[in-house]
Amino acid sequence: QYCRSKAADDGCKQFEDRLGRTYFHNSPLSPEMVQAWAGYAAHEENQGRPARAANVYRRALVAGNGHLNLWQLYWGFLRRQGQTARLLHGVQQALRTALEGRPDWVAAAALPLEGAG
């Protein structure tokens, strides 16, 4: 598990407990689960742990690949971190997987690229 010990918890246990075991791609995430992932990633970023936040975002996208708002939160994180190359890769990955065949989401995927230059 991500929080390996009580001493190394750093507040992540409250989020990990809410997430429980994720059964990838078997069913869509509930709005509560999407919010739990988003809150967890925001917590890590707010604590000044961008590497851990990035890992949480990546785990969230495995569990909720089809949720545009998770992708948008991840892209915003990458933009705030100044990771333009990774942002471009993330948008391309989303367009190849989750957003493929979803023209309503393609415009949303273009927005982070405009902001990144």
Protein backbone atom coordinates (compact mmCIF):
# COMPACT_ATOMS: atom_id res chain seq x y z
CA GLN A 1 0.00 0.00 0.00
CA TYR A 2 1.08 3.58 -0.62
CA CYS A 3 1.28 4.44 3.11
CA ARG A 4 3.76 1.85 4.32
CA SER A 5 3.80 2.62 8.04
CA LYS A 6 2.07 4.77 10.60
CA ALA A 7 5.26 6.81 11.00
CA ALA A 8 5.44 7.49 7.26
CA ASP A 9 1.72 8.19 6.93
CA ASP A 10 1.97 11.99 6.37
CA GLY A 11 -1.81 12.20 6.20
CA CYS A 12 -2.26 9.85 3.25
CA LYS A 13 -4.00 7.13 5.30
CA GLN A 14 -7.21 9.15 5.42
CA PHE A 15 -7.28 9.09 1.62
CA GLU A 16 -6.11 5.52 1.13
CA ASP A 17 -8.83 4.28 3.49
CA ARG A 18 -11.50 6.03 1.41
CA LEU A 19 -10.20 4.52 -1.81
CA GLY A 20 -10.03 0.95 -0.60
CA ARG A 21 -9.21 -1.65 -3.23
CA THR A 22 -9.76 -0.36 -6.74
CA TYR A 23 -11.05 -2.82 -9.31
CA PHE A 24 -9.64 -1.28 -12.44
CA HIS A 25 -12.00 -0.66 -15.34
CA ASN A 26 -14.72 -3.04 -14.06
CA SER A 27 -17.15 -0.23 -13.44
CA PRO A 28 -17.09 3.55 -13.62
CA LEU A 29 -15.90 5.38 -10.55
CA SER A 30 -18.58 6.99 -8.43
CA PRO A 31 -18.48 10.78 -8.05
CA GLU A 32 -17.34 10.20 -4.46
CA MET A 33 -14.39 8.10 -5.62
CA VAL A 34 -13.39 10.69 -8.23
CA GLN A 35 -13.50 13.33 -5.49
CA ALA A 36 -11.44 11.11 -3.18
CA TRP A 37 -8.71 10.70 -5.81
CA ALA A 38 -8.73 14.42 -6.58
CA GLY A 39 -8.56 15.32 -2.88
CA TYR A 40 -5.71 12.92 -2.29
CA ALA A 41 -3.64 14.32 -5.15
CA ALA A 42 -4.37 17.90 -4.06
CA HIS A 43 -3.32 17.01 -0.50
CA GLU A 44 0.03 15.68 -1.70
CA GLU A 45 0.62 18.72 -3.91
CA ASN A 46 -0.35 21.12 -1.09
CA GLN A 47 2.09 19.34 1.22
CA GLY A 48 4.90 20.14 -1.24
CA ARG A 49 5.28 16.57 -2.46
CA PRO A 50 4.89 16.83 -6.24
CA ALA A 51 6.36 13.38 -6.94
CA ARG A 52 3.81 11.76 -4.65
CA ALA A 53 1.03 13.89 -6.15
CA ALA A 54 2.04 12.75 -9.64
CA ASN A 55 1.91 9.12 -8.50
CA VAL A 56 -1.56 9.61 -7.04
CA TYR A 57 -2.76 11.20 -10.28
CA ARG A 58 -1.36 8.30 -12.28
CA ARG A 59 -3.04 5.76 -10.01
CA ALA A 60 -6.30 7.72 -10.30
CA LEU A 61 -6.10 7.62 -14.09
CA VAL A 62 -5.66 3.87 -14.07
CA ALA A 63 -8.75 3.52 -11.90
CA GLY A 64 -10.77 6.21 -13.65
CA ASN A 65 -9.36 6.47 -17.15
CA GLY A 66 -12.66 7.64 -18.62
CA HIS A 67 -13.17 10.58 -16.28
CA LEU A 68 -12.35 13.80 -18.08
CA ASN A 69 -12.17 15.80 -14.86
CA LEU A 70 -9.38 13.53 -13.53
CA TRP A 71 -7.43 14.10 -16.74
CA GLN A 72 -8.01 17.86 -16.47
CA LEU A 73 -6.81 17.92 -12.87
CA TYR A 74 -3.68 15.98 -13.87
CA TRP A 75 -3.01 18.32 -16.77
CA GLY A 76 -3.41 21.35 -14.48
CA PHE A 77 -0.96 19.78 -12.05
CA LEU A 78 1.58 19.22 -14.81
CA ARG A 79 1.15 22.80 -16.01
CA ARG A 80 1.67 24.14 -12.46
CA GLN A 81 4.82 22.03 -12.21
CA GLY A 82 6.13 23.43 -15.50
CA GLN A 83 6.25 19.96 -17.04
CA THR A 84 5.25 20.92 -20.57
CA ALA A 85 6.67 17.79 -22.24
CA ARG A 86 4.86 15.55 -19.78
CA LEU A 87 1.69 17.60 -20.26
CA LEU A 88 1.85 17.06 -24.01
CA HIS A 89 2.44 13.35 -23.48
CA GLY A 90 -0.50 13.18 -21.05
CA VAL A 91 -2.86 14.84 -23.50
CA GLN A 92 -1.71 12.52 -26.29
CA GLN A 93 -2.17 9.51 -24.02
CA ALA A 94 -5.69 10.61 -23.13
CA LEU A 95 -6.59 11.17 -26.77
CA ARG A 96 -5.35 7.66 -27.64
CA THR A 97 -7.14 5.91 -24.80
CA ALA A 98 -9.92 7.48 -22.77
CA LEU A 99 -10.91 10.27 -25.09
CA GLU A 100 -10.77 8.33 -28.36
CA GLY A 101 -14.10 8.59 -30.12
CA ARG A 102 -15.28 11.32 -27.73
CA PRO A 103 -15.32 14.53 -29.82
CA ASP A 104 -16.92 16.44 -26.97
CA TRP A 105 -13.75 15.88 -24.95
CA VAL A 106 -11.24 16.78 -27.66
CA ALA A 107 -11.79 20.52 -27.17
CA ALA A 108 -11.23 20.07 -23.44
CA ALA A 109 -7.95 18.31 -24.20
CA ALA A 110 -6.80 21.26 -26.32
CA LEU A 111 -7.08 23.79 -23.49
CA PRO A 112 -4.05 22.68 -21.47
CA LEU A 113 -1.93 22.75 -24.60
CA GLU A 114 -2.89 26.35 -25.29
CA GLY A 115 -1.92 27.34 -21.76
CA ALA A 116 1.40 25.49 -22.03
CA GLY A 117 2.48 27.40 -25.11
